[in-house]
Amino acid sequence: MKKPFFATRTRRFVALAALLLVAGGAWLLWSAQRSEQHQRHEALVCALPAQPAGAKHPGMVWVPGGILALGDTVYPEEAPIRQIAVDGFWLDRTEVTNDEFAAFVQATAYTTAAERPVDAKAHPDLPADMLLPGAVVFISPTSVSGQGSPTKWWRYVPGADWRHPGGPATSIEGKGTFAVVNVTIEDARAYARWKGAMLPSEAQWEWAARGAKNQALPEHEQPAQANTWQGLFPVANSADDGFVGLAPVGCFAPNALGLFDMIGNAWELTRDAYTPSHAVLVSQNVEEPAPASARPSASGDLAQHVIKGGSFLCAPNYCMRYRAGARQGQEDDLPVSHVGFRTLRLAPAP
């Protein structure tokens, strides 16, 4: 007796699904092993070009003023495009590094948000282990199923902080020139004040990232000269750019102004409060004198500030935020392993 067509087709489908699952698992394992091997041979330092002797503000570059077409058209929060006048300023040519942040901590005995217990009053619904000092860390998934939820690759890790970016078992030893991460807006402001500087506004940051050019609609392709994710996020990074994860600063060509890593590597904090569009801009003309707290915003949500530039986790299939006009909100009291910053100084032109 012949088997019903439906039953035969179902068995074939199940067999094919099982084969694909096994193949997918094997591919995922191979990819993970390849990434681990690649990381062992990645550069720990990238040489920066020497600045002229007697530079007015060492480690910074001058950004001339102009009119910026702020925003983009890929995601809703980037719109509407606004014409913004920007005065000239000095900006760190790289993201703040572990060595630079370590000098600040040594001089001030500062303790970052990730090294302190989480405010239970601000987060009454969190489980006990998420109230411990720590940070949110990217962990590549070990399963090919259920990849639609960010909880598959983001995990709160007690003991993760700027010295231990991936958790207590990790270290920044030998990685002094890597961008410091797992810092909050409060931490970044504290460092900036110590340096006699401030954080850039969203408009200042975007103007600098565009090379001081008024580009309303820049190219949207994944950039070659930036540390981003090549492959299928979040399960396979081919590391065609030379890095699986975070990179030392200055490993990719600078933009026209001499600024490194404005796109990719680590998201960068700005001093502007986050709004869900450019219809209303909340920008501070000067840096706020006091640290941010986990105070609720007008909407009742925890306060957020704008982050710019994308990170090493941005990929065409998931996060096309490797663009100057891209933006996102970052919770004020949430340290994350792909968020850093650079500082700005308001001073006369060279």
C-alpha atoms as a PDB file:
ATOM      1  CA  MET A   1       0.000   0.000   0.000  1.00  0.00           C
ATOM      2  CA  LYS A   2       1.322   3.379  -0.975  1.00  0.00           C
ATOM      3  CA  LYS A   3       2.020   5.888   1.767  1.00  0.00           C
ATOM      4  CA  PRO A   4      -0.141   8.992   1.628  1.00  0.00           C
ATOM      5  CA  PHE A   5       1.561  11.846  -0.226  1.00  0.00           C
ATOM      6  CA  PHE A   6       1.182  14.188   2.758  1.00  0.00           C
ATOM      7  CA  ALA A   7       2.891  11.757   5.124  1.00  0.00           C
ATOM      8  CA  THR A   8       5.766  11.237   2.700  1.00  0.00           C
ATOM      9  CA  ARG A   9       6.217  14.957   2.204  1.00  0.00           C
ATOM     10  CA  THR A  10       6.117  15.554   5.970  1.00  0.00           C
ATOM     11  CA  ARG A  11       8.853  12.960   6.570  1.00  0.00           C
ATOM     12  CA  ARG A  12      10.987  14.523   3.873  1.00  0.00           C
ATOM     13  CA  PHE A  13      10.488  17.945   5.394  1.00  0.00           C
ATOM     14  CA  VAL A  14      11.441  16.691   8.860  1.00  0.00           C
ATOM     15  CA  ALA A  15      14.513  14.955   7.474  1.00  0.00           C
ATOM     16  CA  LEU A  16      15.553  18.074   5.584  1.00  0.00           C
ATOM     17  CA  ALA A  17      14.993  20.248   8.642  1.00  0.00           C
ATOM     18  CA  ALA A  18      17.116  17.913  10.751  1.00  0.00           C
ATOM     19  CA  LEU A  19      19.870  17.970   8.129  1.00  0.00           C
ATOM     20  CA  LEU A  20      19.799  21.766   8.008  1.00  0.00           C
ATOM     21  CA  LEU A  21      19.900  21.961  11.797  1.00  0.00           C
ATOM     22  CA  VAL A  22      22.939  19.687  11.950  1.00  0.00           C
ATOM     23  CA  ALA A  23      24.612  21.603   9.122  1.00  0.00           C
ATOM     24  CA  GLY A  24      23.768  24.916  10.772  1.00  0.00           C
ATOM     25  CA  GLY A  25      25.180  23.737  14.088  1.00  0.00           C
ATOM     26  CA  ALA A  26      28.364  22.523  12.420  1.00  0.00           C
ATOM     27  CA  TRP A  27      28.721  25.797  10.552  1.00  0.00           C
ATOM     28  CA  LEU A  28      28.162  27.768  13.746  1.00  0.00           C
ATOM     29  CA  LEU A  29      30.799  25.735  15.578  1.00  0.00           C
ATOM     30  CA  TRP A  30      33.269  26.195  12.718  1.00  0.00           C
ATOM     31  CA  SER A  31      32.558  29.916  12.636  1.00  0.00           C
ATOM     32  CA  ALA A  32      33.070  30.276  16.398  1.00  0.00           C
ATOM     33  CA  GLN A  33      36.374  28.387  16.236  1.00  0.00           C
ATOM     34  CA  ARG A  34      37.512  30.528  13.305  1.00  0.00           C
ATOM     35  CA  SER A  35      36.637  33.724  15.184  1.00  0.00           C
ATOM     36  CA  GLU A  36      38.530  32.551  18.272  1.00  0.00           C
ATOM     37  CA  GLN A  37      41.596  31.739  16.191  1.00  0.00           C
ATOM     38  CA  HIS A  38      41.369  35.089  14.432  1.00  0.00           C
ATOM     39  CA  GLN A  39      41.225  37.013  17.711  1.00  0.00           C
ATOM     40  CA  ARG A  40      44.519  35.454  18.849  1.00  0.00           C
ATOM     41  CA  HIS A  41      46.286  37.144  15.941  1.00  0.00           C
ATOM     42  CA  GLU A  42      44.583  40.535  15.962  1.00  0.00           C
ATOM     43  CA  ALA A  43      46.628  43.698  16.406  1.00  0.00           C
ATOM     44  CA  LEU A  44      46.836  45.102  19.936  1.00  0.00           C
ATOM     45  CA  VAL A  45      48.204  48.498  18.854  1.00  0.00           C
ATOM     46  CA  CYS A  46      47.777  50.585  15.707  1.00  0.00           C
ATOM     47  CA  ALA A  47      50.255  53.421  15.187  1.00  0.00           C
ATOM     48  CA  LEU A  48      48.790  56.916  14.992  1.00  0.00           C
ATOM     49  CA  PRO A  49      50.432  59.610  12.824  1.00  0.00           C
ATOM     50  CA  ALA A  50      52.592  62.035  14.756  1.00  0.00           C
ATOM     51  CA  GLN A  51      51.117  65.450  15.425  1.00  0.00           C
ATOM     52  CA  PRO A  52      53.139  68.619  14.805  1.00  0.00           C
ATOM     53  CA  ALA A  53      55.483  69.674  17.571  1.00  0.00           C
ATOM     54  CA  GLY A  54      53.841  72.234  19.819  1.00  0.00           C
ATOM     55  CA  ALA A  55      50.319  71.228  18.838  1.00  0.00           C
ATOM     56  CA  LYS A  56      47.822  73.548  20.508  1.00  0.00           C
ATOM     57  CA  HIS A  57      45.688  70.725  21.890  1.00  0.00           C
ATOM     58  CA  PRO A  58      47.598  67.427  21.665  1.00  0.00           C
ATOM     59  CA  GLY A  59      45.464  64.467  20.726  1.00  0.00           C
ATOM     60  CA  MET A  60      42.744  66.695  19.253  1.00  0.00           C
ATOM     61  CA  VAL A  61      41.949  68.074  15.805  1.00  0.00           C
ATOM     62  CA  TRP A  62      40.258  71.315  14.789  1.00  0.00           C
ATOM     63  CA  VAL A  63      36.771  70.988  13.293  1.00  0.00           C
ATOM     64  CA  PRO A  64      35.753  74.162  11.400  1.00  0.00           C
ATOM     65  CA  GLY A  65      32.173  75.387  11.681  1.00  0.00           C
ATOM     66  CA  GLY A  66      29.411  75.320   9.082  1.00  0.00           C
ATOM     67  CA  ILE A  67      25.836  74.304   8.354  1.00  0.00           C
ATOM     68  CA  LEU A  68      24.962  70.659   9.000  1.00  0.00           C
ATOM     69  CA  ALA A  69      22.087  68.697   7.484  1.00  0.00           C
ATOM     70  CA  LEU A  70      21.511  66.709  10.681  1.00  0.00           C
ATOM     71  CA  GLY A  71      20.029  63.250  10.319  1.00  0.00           C
ATOM     72  CA  ASP A  72      19.339  60.548   7.737  1.00  0.00           C
ATOM     73  CA  THR A  73      16.491  58.488   6.297  1.00  0.00           C
ATOM     74  CA  VAL A  74      17.219  54.838   7.150  1.00  0.00           C
ATOM     75  CA  TYR A  75      15.499  54.602  10.559  1.00  0.00           C
ATOM     76  CA  PRO A  76      12.610  56.716  11.926  1.00  0.00           C
ATOM     77  CA  GLU A  77      14.610  58.248  14.774  1.00  0.00           C
ATOM     78  CA  GLU A  78      17.002  59.861  12.246  1.00  0.00           C
ATOM     79  CA  ALA A  79      14.293  62.063  10.761  1.00  0.00           C
ATOM     80  CA  PRO A  80      13.434  64.754   9.966  1.00  0.00           C
ATOM     81  CA  ILE A  81      16.665  66.107   8.512  1.00  0.00           C
ATOM     82  CA  ARG A  82      17.361  69.477  10.146  1.00  0.00           C
ATOM     83  CA  GLN A  83      19.663  72.320   9.103  1.00  0.00           C
ATOM     84  CA  ILE A  84      21.858  73.137  12.114  1.00  0.00           C
ATOM     85  CA  ALA A  85      24.547  75.817  12.437  1.00  0.00           C
ATOM     86  CA  VAL A  86      27.693  74.467  14.106  1.00  0.00           C
ATOM     87  CA  ASP A  87      30.565  76.598  15.405  1.00  0.00           C
ATOM     88  CA  GLY A  88      34.146  75.360  15.215  1.00  0.00           C
ATOM     89  CA  PHE A  89      35.604  73.194  18.009  1.00  0.00           C
ATOM     90  CA  TRP A  90      38.395  70.811  18.927  1.00  0.00           C
ATOM     91  CA  LEU A  91      37.664  67.082  19.130  1.00  0.00           C
ATOM     92  CA  ASP A  92      39.671  64.068  20.304  1.00  0.00           C
ATOM     93  CA  ARG A  93      41.052  62.384  17.216  1.00  0.00           C
ATOM     94  CA  THR A  94      40.331  58.954  18.725  1.00  0.00           C
ATOM     95  CA  GLU A  95      37.932  57.435  21.191  1.00  0.00           C
ATOM     96  CA  VAL A  96      39.147  57.696  24.797  1.00  0.00           C
ATOM     97  CA  THR A  97      41.358  54.679  25.442  1.00  0.00           C
ATOM     98  CA  ASN A  98      41.787  52.340  28.386  1.00  0.00           C
ATOM     99  CA  ASP A  99      45.164  53.929  29.175  1.00  0.00           C
ATOM    100  CA  GLU A 100      43.686  57.435  29.153  1.00  0.00           C
ATOM    101  CA  PHE A 101      40.766  56.414  31.333  1.00  0.00           C
ATOM    102  CA  ALA A 102      43.124  54.571  33.701  1.00  0.00           C
ATOM    103  CA  ALA A 103      45.134  57.785  34.191  1.00  0.00           C
ATOM    104  CA  PHE A 104      41.914  59.575  35.164  1.00  0.00           C
ATOM    105  CA  VAL A 105      40.932  56.837  37.633  1.00  0.00           C
ATOM    106  CA  GLN A 106      44.395  56.795  39.176  1.00  0.00           C
ATOM    107  CA  ALA A 107      44.385  60.580  39.604  1.00  0.00           C
ATOM    108  CA  THR A 108      40.882  60.830  41.048  1.00  0.00           C
ATOM    109  CA  ALA A 109      40.101  57.400  42.571  1.00  0.00           C
ATOM    110  CA  TYR A 110      36.897  57.494  40.529  1.00  0.00           C
ATOM    111  CA  THR A 111      34.547  54.503  40.641  1.00  0.00           C
ATOM    112  CA  THR A 112      32.484  53.887  37.517  1.00  0.00           C
ATOM    113  CA  ALA A 113      28.787  53.053  37.489  1.00  0.00           C
ATOM    114  CA  ALA A 114      29.558  49.447  36.519  1.00  0.00           C
ATOM    115  CA  GLU A 115      31.632  49.054  39.696  1.00  0.00           C
ATOM    116  CA  ARG A 116      28.762  50.122  41.959  1.00  0.00           C
ATOM    117  CA  PRO A 117      25.537  48.283  42.857  1.00  0.00           C
ATOM    118  CA  VAL A 118      22.563  49.139  40.646  1.00  0.00           C
ATOM    119  CA  ASP A 119      20.039  51.572  42.154  1.00  0.00           C
ATOM    120  CA  ALA A 120      17.189  49.278  43.245  1.00  0.00           C
ATOM    121  CA  LYS A 121      14.816  52.248  43.603  1.00  0.00           C
ATOM    122  CA  ALA A 122      15.274  53.142  39.947  1.00  0.00           C
ATOM    123  CA  HIS A 123      14.917  49.485  38.920  1.00  0.00           C
ATOM    124  CA  PRO A 124      12.500  47.859  41.389  1.00  0.00           C
ATOM    125  CA  ASP A 125      11.687  44.927  39.112  1.00  0.00           C
ATOM    126  CA  LEU A 126      15.213  43.672  38.478  1.00  0.00           C
ATOM    127  CA  PRO A 127      16.273  40.289  39.885  1.00  0.00           C
ATOM    128  CA  ALA A 128      18.943  40.280  42.591  1.00  0.00           C
ATOM    129  CA  ASP A 129      21.802  39.224  40.290  1.00  0.00           C
ATOM    130  CA  MET A 130      21.140  42.215  38.011  1.00  0.00           C
ATOM    131  CA  LEU A 131      21.456  44.621  40.944  1.00  0.00           C
ATOM    132  CA  LEU A 132      25.083  43.570  41.450  1.00  0.00           C
ATOM    133  CA  PRO A 133      27.863  45.735  40.001  1.00  0.00           C
ATOM    134  CA  GLY A 134      28.280  44.789  36.354  1.00  0.00           C
ATOM    135  CA  ALA A 135      27.548  45.611  32.736  1.00  0.00           C
ATOM    136  CA  VAL A 136      25.708  44.311  29.686  1.00  0.00           C
ATOM    137  CA  VAL A 137      28.053  42.237  27.527  1.00  0.00           C
ATOM    138  CA  PHE A 138      27.751  40.900  23.983  1.00  0.00           C
ATOM    139  CA  ILE A 139      28.027  37.115  23.895  1.00  0.00           C
ATOM    140  CA  SER A 140      27.795  35.415  20.510  1.00  0.00           C
ATOM    141  CA  PRO A 141      24.911  32.916  20.544  1.00  0.00           C
ATOM    142  CA  THR A 142      25.629  29.188  20.596  1.00  0.00           C
ATOM    143  CA  SER A 143      22.328  28.294  18.946  1.00  0.00           C
ATOM    144  CA  VAL A 144      20.979  29.091  15.494  1.00  0.00           C
ATOM    145  CA  SER A 145      17.390  29.170  16.757  1.00  0.00           C
ATOM    146  CA  GLY A 146      15.431  32.114  18.113  1.00  0.00           C
ATOM    147  CA  GLN A 147      17.752  34.806  16.778  1.00  0.00           C
ATOM    148  CA  GLY A 148      15.023  37.452  16.740  1.00  0.00           C
ATOM    149  CA  SER A 149      15.482  38.449  20.394  1.00  0.00           C
ATOM    150  CA  PRO A 150      18.455  40.619  21.509  1.00  0.00           C
ATOM    151  CA  THR A 151      18.460  38.693  24.801  1.00  0.00           C
ATOM    152  CA  LYS A 152      20.089  35.884  22.816  1.00  0.00           C
ATOM    153  CA  TRP A 153      23.291  37.895  22.504  1.00  0.00           C
ATOM    154  CA  TRP A 154      23.155  40.522  25.272  1.00  0.00           C
ATOM    155  CA  ARG A 155      23.664  39.420  28.855  1.00  0.00           C
ATOM    156  CA  TYR A 156      24.039  41.288  32.131  1.00  0.00           C
ATOM    157  CA  VAL A 157      27.330  40.055  33.587  1.00  0.00           C
ATOM    158  CA  PRO A 158      28.123  40.824  37.244  1.00  0.00           C
ATOM    159  CA  GLY A 159      31.748  41.880  37.542  1.00  0.00           C
ATOM    160  CA  ALA A 160      31.985  43.304  34.028  1.00  0.00           C
ATOM    161  CA  ASP A 161      33.374  46.848  33.990  1.00  0.00           C
ATOM    162  CA  TRP A 162      35.881  48.957  32.082  1.00  0.00           C
ATOM    163  CA  ARG A 163      38.798  46.905  33.412  1.00  0.00           C
ATOM    164  CA  HIS A 164      36.999  43.613  32.709  1.00  0.00           C
ATOM    165  CA  PRO A 165      35.027  44.281  29.503  1.00  0.00           C
ATOM    166  CA  GLY A 166      33.659  40.751  29.124  1.00  0.00           C
ATOM    167  CA  GLY A 167      33.317  39.869  32.795  1.00  0.00           C
ATOM    168  CA  PRO A 168      35.566  39.034  35.775  1.00  0.00           C
ATOM    169  CA  ALA A 169      37.643  36.515  33.798  1.00  0.00           C
ATOM    170  CA  THR A 170      38.586  39.097  31.147  1.00  0.00           C
ATOM    171  CA  SER A 171      41.135  41.889  31.275  1.00  0.00           C
ATOM    172  CA  ILE A 172      42.419  44.951  29.419  1.00  0.00           C
ATOM    173  CA  GLU A 173      46.014  43.930  30.032  1.00  0.00           C
ATOM    174  CA  GLY A 174      47.930  44.649  26.835  1.00  0.00           C
ATOM    175  CA  LYS A 175      44.929  46.569  25.469  1.00  0.00           C
ATOM    176  CA  GLY A 176      45.715  50.068  26.651  1.00  0.00           C
ATOM    177  CA  THR A 177      45.067  51.544  23.208  1.00  0.00           C
ATOM    178  CA  PHE A 178      41.603  49.988  22.886  1.00  0.00           C
ATOM    179  CA  ALA A 179      38.560  52.228  23.308  1.00  0.00           C
ATOM    180  CA  VAL A 180      37.335  52.214  26.896  1.00  0.00           C
ATOM    181  CA  VAL A 181      33.837  50.688  27.153  1.00  0.00           C
ATOM    182  CA  ASN A 182      31.308  49.781  29.851  1.00  0.00           C
ATOM    183  CA  VAL A 183      31.088  53.465  30.780  1.00  0.00           C
ATOM    184  CA  THR A 184      27.942  55.542  31.272  1.00  0.00           C
ATOM    185  CA  ILE A 185      27.156  59.194  30.574  1.00  0.00           C
ATOM    186  CA  GLU A 186      28.061  59.949  34.199  1.00  0.00           C
ATOM    187  CA  ASP A 187      31.471  58.322  33.801  1.00  0.00           C
ATOM    188  CA  ALA A 188      32.156  60.079  30.506  1.00  0.00           C
ATOM    189  CA  ARG A 189      31.226  63.458  31.946  1.00  0.00           C
ATOM    190  CA  ALA A 190      33.465  62.920  34.957  1.00  0.00           C
ATOM    191  CA  TYR A 191      36.427  62.134  32.694  1.00  0.00           C
ATOM    192  CA  ALA A 192      35.684  65.113  30.444  1.00  0.00           C
ATOM    193  CA  ARG A 193      35.554  67.535  33.398  1.00  0.00           C
ATOM    194  CA  TRP A 194      38.866  66.178  34.649  1.00  0.00           C
ATOM    195  CA  LYS A 195      40.361  66.919  31.229  1.00  0.00           C
ATOM    196  CA  GLY A 196      38.860  70.416  31.152  1.00  0.00           C
ATOM    197  CA  ALA A 197      36.710  69.333  28.232  1.00  0.00           C
ATOM    198  CA  MET A 198      33.117  68.240  27.564  1.00  0.00           C
ATOM    199  CA  LEU A 199      31.192  65.715  25.506  1.00  0.00           C
ATOM    200  CA  PRO A 200      30.158  66.688  21.978  1.00  0.00           C
ATOM    201  CA  SER A 201      26.543  67.431  21.176  1.00  0.00           C
ATOM    202  CA  GLU A 202      24.832  65.221  18.619  1.00  0.00           C
ATOM    203  CA  ALA A 203      25.163  67.930  15.968  1.00  0.00           C
ATOM    204  CA  GLN A 204      28.847  68.572  16.740  1.00  0.00           C
ATOM    205  CA  TRP A 205      29.599  64.858  16.630  1.00  0.00           C
ATOM    206  CA  GLU A 206      27.754  64.338  13.334  1.00  0.00           C
ATOM    207  CA  TRP A 207      29.340  67.402  11.739  1.00  0.00           C
ATOM    208  CA  ALA A 208      32.790  66.101  12.653  1.00  0.00           C
ATOM    209  CA  ALA A 209      31.976  62.584  11.427  1.00  0.00           C
ATOM    210  CA  ARG A 210      30.912  64.010   8.059  1.00  0.00           C
ATOM    211  CA  GLY A 211      34.280  65.755   7.751  1.00  0.00           C
ATOM    212  CA  ALA A 212      32.688  69.212   8.181  1.00  0.00           C
ATOM    213  CA  LYS A 213      30.608  68.759   5.016  1.00  0.00           C
ATOM    214  CA  ASN A 214      26.892  69.374   4.644  1.00  0.00           C
ATOM    215  CA  GLN A 215      25.783  65.973   3.346  1.00  0.00           C
ATOM    216  CA  ALA A 216      22.054  65.432   3.669  1.00  0.00           C
ATOM    217  CA  LEU A 217      22.031  61.914   2.224  1.00  0.00           C
ATOM    218  CA  PRO A 218      25.437  60.196   2.473  1.00  0.00           C
ATOM    219  CA  GLU A 219      26.179  56.735   1.176  1.00  0.00           C
ATOM    220  CA  HIS A 220      24.478  53.963   3.133  1.00  0.00           C
ATOM    221  CA  GLU A 221      26.760  51.053   2.203  1.00  0.00           C
ATOM    222  CA  GLN A 222      28.775  49.280   4.889  1.00  0.00           C
ATOM    223  CA  PRO A 223      32.083  51.183   5.079  1.00  0.00           C
ATOM    224  CA  ALA A 224      35.342  49.431   4.275  1.00  0.00           C
ATOM    225  CA  GLN A 225      37.408  51.652   6.583  1.00  0.00           C
ATOM    226  CA  ALA A 226      35.602  50.923   9.846  1.00  0.00           C
ATOM    227  CA  ASN A 227      35.357  48.161  12.438  1.00  0.00           C
ATOM    228  CA  THR A 228      31.924  46.659  11.786  1.00  0.00           C
ATOM    229  CA  TRP A 229      30.420  43.170  11.528  1.00  0.00           C
ATOM    230  CA  GLN A 230      31.017  41.185   8.327  1.00  0.00           C
ATOM    231  CA  GLY A 231      28.789  38.155   7.969  1.00  0.00           C
ATOM    232  CA  LEU A 232      25.494  37.051   9.441  1.00  0.00           C
ATOM    233  CA  PHE A 233      24.870  38.867  12.727  1.00  0.00           C
ATOM    234  CA  PRO A 234      24.922  37.650  15.485  1.00  0.00           C
ATOM    235  CA  VAL A 235      26.235  34.162  14.726  1.00  0.00           C
ATOM    236  CA  ALA A 236      29.137  34.580  12.293  1.00  0.00           C
ATOM    237  CA  ASN A 237      31.670  37.370  11.859  1.00  0.00           C
ATOM    238  CA  SER A 238      34.169  36.721   9.068  1.00  0.00           C
ATOM    239  CA  ALA A 239      36.300  39.618  10.378  1.00  0.00           C
ATOM    240  CA  ASP A 240      37.233  40.788   6.886  1.00  0.00           C
ATOM    241  CA  ASP A 241      38.127  44.130   8.466  1.00  0.00           C
ATOM    242  CA  GLY A 242      40.729  42.439  10.670  1.00  0.00           C
ATOM    243  CA  PHE A 243      38.787  42.325  13.934  1.00  0.00           C
ATOM    244  CA  VAL A 244      36.123  40.100  15.446  1.00  0.00           C
ATOM    245  CA  GLY A 245      35.390  42.446  18.357  1.00  0.00           C
ATOM    246  CA  LEU A 246      36.611  45.807  19.588  1.00  0.00           C
ATOM    247  CA  ALA A 247      39.789  47.136  17.959  1.00  0.00           C
ATOM    248  CA  PRO A 248      42.593  49.419  19.122  1.00  0.00           C
ATOM    249  CA  VAL A 249      41.929  53.026  18.141  1.00  0.00           C
ATOM    250  CA  GLY A 250      43.368  54.273  14.875  1.00  0.00           C
ATOM    251  CA  CYS A 251      43.465  50.999  12.934  1.00  0.00           C
ATOM    252  CA  PHE A 252      41.396  52.366  10.061  1.00  0.00           C
ATOM    253  CA  ALA A 253      41.948  55.368   7.810  1.00  0.00           C
ATOM    254  CA  PRO A 254      40.843  58.688   9.345  1.00  0.00           C
ATOM    255  CA  ASN A 255      38.234  60.926   7.776  1.00  0.00           C
ATOM    256  CA  ALA A 256      39.066  64.149   5.963  1.00  0.00           C
ATOM    257  CA  LEU A 257      39.662  65.995   9.249  1.00  0.00           C
ATOM    258  CA  GLY A 258      42.015  63.373  10.693  1.00  0.00           C
ATOM    259  CA  LEU A 259      39.454  61.817  13.051  1.00  0.00           C
ATOM    260  CA  PHE A 260      39.676  58.062  13.605  1.00  0.00           C
ATOM    261  CA  ASP A 261      36.880  55.552  14.225  1.00  0.00           C
ATOM    262  CA  MET A 262      34.015  58.003  14.046  1.00  0.00           C
ATOM    263  CA  ILE A 263      32.140  55.122  12.423  1.00  0.00           C
ATOM    264  CA  GLY A 264      32.210  51.639  13.952  1.00  0.00           C
ATOM    265  CA  ASN A 265      34.342  50.207  16.767  1.00  0.00           C
ATOM    266  CA  ALA A 266      32.417  51.664  19.746  1.00  0.00           C
ATOM    267  CA  TRP A 267      29.225  53.695  19.929  1.00  0.00           C
ATOM    268  CA  GLU A 268      30.043  57.167  21.288  1.00  0.00           C
ATOM    269  CA  LEU A 269      28.104  59.059  23.946  1.00  0.00           C
ATOM    270  CA  THR A 270      27.006  62.639  23.347  1.00  0.00           C
ATOM    271  CA  ARG A 271      25.758  65.244  25.800  1.00  0.00           C
ATOM    272  CA  ASP A 272      22.282  65.460  24.209  1.00  0.00           C
ATOM    273  CA  ALA A 273      19.205  63.914  25.769  1.00  0.00           C
ATOM    274  CA  TYR A 274      17.635  61.345  23.450  1.00  0.00           C
ATOM    275  CA  THR A 275      14.358  62.041  21.699  1.00  0.00           C
ATOM    276  CA  PRO A 276      12.658  59.555  19.351  1.00  0.00           C
ATOM    277  CA  SER A 277      13.083  61.885  16.350  1.00  0.00           C
ATOM    278  CA  HIS A 278      14.711  65.137  15.266  1.00  0.00           C
ATOM    279  CA  ALA A 279      11.376  66.937  15.439  1.00  0.00           C
ATOM    280  CA  VAL A 280      12.455  68.087  18.906  1.00  0.00           C
ATOM    281  CA  LEU A 281      16.136  68.468  19.745  1.00  0.00           C
ATOM    282  CA  VAL A 282      17.303  68.546  23.356  1.00  0.00           C
ATOM    283  CA  SER A 283      20.823  69.930  23.243  1.00  0.00           C
ATOM    284  CA  GLN A 284      22.957  71.494  25.932  1.00  0.00           C
ATOM    285  CA  ASN A 285      25.057  74.471  24.851  1.00  0.00           C
ATOM    286  CA  VAL A 286      27.478  73.645  27.641  1.00  0.00           C
ATOM    287  CA  GLU A 287      28.156  70.414  29.462  1.00  0.00           C
ATOM    288  CA  GLU A 288      25.927  69.758  32.441  1.00  0.00           C
ATOM    289  CA  PRO A 289      27.922  70.440  35.643  1.00  0.00           C
ATOM    290  CA  ALA A 290      26.513  67.508  37.619  1.00  0.00           C
ATOM    291  CA  PRO A 291      26.581  63.783  36.823  1.00  0.00           C
ATOM    292  CA  ALA A 292      23.480  62.255  35.284  1.00  0.00           C
ATOM    293  CA  SER A 293      21.345  59.984  37.408  1.00  0.00           C
ATOM    294  CA  ALA A 294      18.815  57.296  36.636  1.00  0.00           C
ATOM    295  CA  ARG A 295      16.011  59.852  36.940  1.00  0.00           C
ATOM    296  CA  PRO A 296      12.837  59.209  34.936  1.00  0.00           C
ATOM    297  CA  SER A 297      12.351  61.302  31.803  1.00  0.00           C
ATOM    298  CA  ALA A 298       9.176  63.237  30.974  1.00  0.00           C
ATOM    299  CA  SER A 299       7.761  60.093  29.354  1.00  0.00           C
ATOM    300  CA  GLY A 300       8.278  58.083  32.540  1.00  0.00           C
ATOM    301  CA  ASP A 301      11.107  56.026  31.035  1.00  0.00           C
ATOM    302  CA  LEU A 302      14.621  56.154  32.411  1.00  0.00           C
ATOM    303  CA  ALA A 303      16.643  59.031  30.971  1.00  0.00           C
ATOM    304  CA  GLN A 304      18.695  58.360  27.856  1.00  0.00           C
ATOM    305  CA  HIS A 305      21.349  60.218  25.899  1.00  0.00           C
ATOM    306  CA  VAL A 306      22.153  60.029  22.210  1.00  0.00           C
ATOM    307  CA  ILE A 307      24.920  57.700  21.059  1.00  0.00           C
ATOM    308  CA  LYS A 308      26.428  57.962  17.578  1.00  0.00           C
ATOM    309  CA  GLY A 309      28.528  56.078  15.043  1.00  0.00           C
ATOM    310  CA  GLY A 310      27.535  52.447  15.503  1.00  0.00           C
ATOM    311  CA  SER A 311      29.935  49.770  16.727  1.00  0.00           C
ATOM    312  CA  PHE A 312      31.767  46.599  15.765  1.00  0.00           C
ATOM    313  CA  LEU A 313      28.384  44.838  16.030  1.00  0.00           C
ATOM    314  CA  CYS A 314      26.677  46.765  13.214  1.00  0.00           C
ATOM    315  CA  ALA A 315      25.893  44.599  10.170  1.00  0.00           C
ATOM    316  CA  PRO A 316      23.766  45.031   7.022  1.00  0.00           C
ATOM    317  CA  ASN A 317      21.320  42.316   8.127  1.00  0.00           C
ATOM    318  CA  TYR A 318      20.659  43.797  11.569  1.00  0.00           C
ATOM    319  CA  CYS A 319      22.040  47.268  12.410  1.00  0.00           C
ATOM    320  CA  MET A 320      22.759  49.662   9.552  1.00  0.00           C
ATOM    321  CA  ARG A 321      23.964  52.335  11.940  1.00  0.00           C
ATOM    322  CA  TYR A 322      27.506  52.565  10.580  1.00  0.00           C
ATOM    323  CA  ARG A 323      26.598  56.055   9.303  1.00  0.00           C
ATOM    324  CA  ALA A 324      27.189  59.599  10.526  1.00  0.00           C
ATOM    325  CA  GLY A 325      23.446  60.297  10.548  1.00  0.00           C
ATOM    326  CA  ALA A 326      22.554  57.224  12.605  1.00  0.00           C
ATOM    327  CA  ARG A 327      21.589  57.626  16.240  1.00  0.00           C
ATOM    328  CA  GLN A 328      20.280  55.614  19.138  1.00  0.00           C
ATOM    329  CA  GLY A 329      19.286  56.179  22.758  1.00  0.00           C
ATOM    330  CA  GLN A 330      21.451  54.805  25.565  1.00  0.00           C
ATOM    331  CA  GLU A 331      20.115  54.483  29.123  1.00  0.00           C
ATOM    332  CA  ASP A 332      22.007  56.816  31.440  1.00  0.00           C
ATOM    333  CA  ASP A 333      22.857  54.195  34.060  1.00  0.00           C
ATOM    334  CA  LEU A 334      23.457  51.165  31.810  1.00  0.00           C
ATOM    335  CA  PRO A 335      27.115  50.369  31.010  1.00  0.00           C
ATOM    336  CA  VAL A 336      27.483  48.289  27.830  1.00  0.00           C
ATOM    337  CA  SER A 337      30.473  46.566  26.256  1.00  0.00           C
ATOM    338  CA  HIS A 338      30.269  48.431  22.933  1.00  0.00           C
ATOM    339  CA  VAL A 339      29.734  52.026  24.153  1.00  0.00           C
ATOM    340  CA  GLY A 340      32.577  54.516  24.669  1.00  0.00           C
ATOM    341  CA  PHE A 341      33.136  58.237  24.052  1.00  0.00           C
ATOM    342  CA  ARG A 342      35.475  61.043  23.007  1.00  0.00           C
ATOM    343  CA  THR A 343      35.714  64.621  24.277  1.00  0.00           C
ATOM    344  CA  LEU A 344      35.422  68.117  22.840  1.00  0.00           C
ATOM    345  CA  ARG A 345      37.007  71.438  23.714  1.00  0.00           C
ATOM    346  CA  LEU A 346      35.594  74.878  22.909  1.00  0.00           C
ATOM    347  CA  ALA A 347      38.686  76.970  22.120  1.00  0.00           C
ATOM    348  CA  PRO A 348      39.902  79.345  19.396  1.00  0.00           C
ATOM    349  CA  ALA A 349      40.912  77.988  15.994  1.00  0.00           C
ATOM    350  CA  PRO A 350      44.583  77.143  15.402  1.00  0.00           C
END
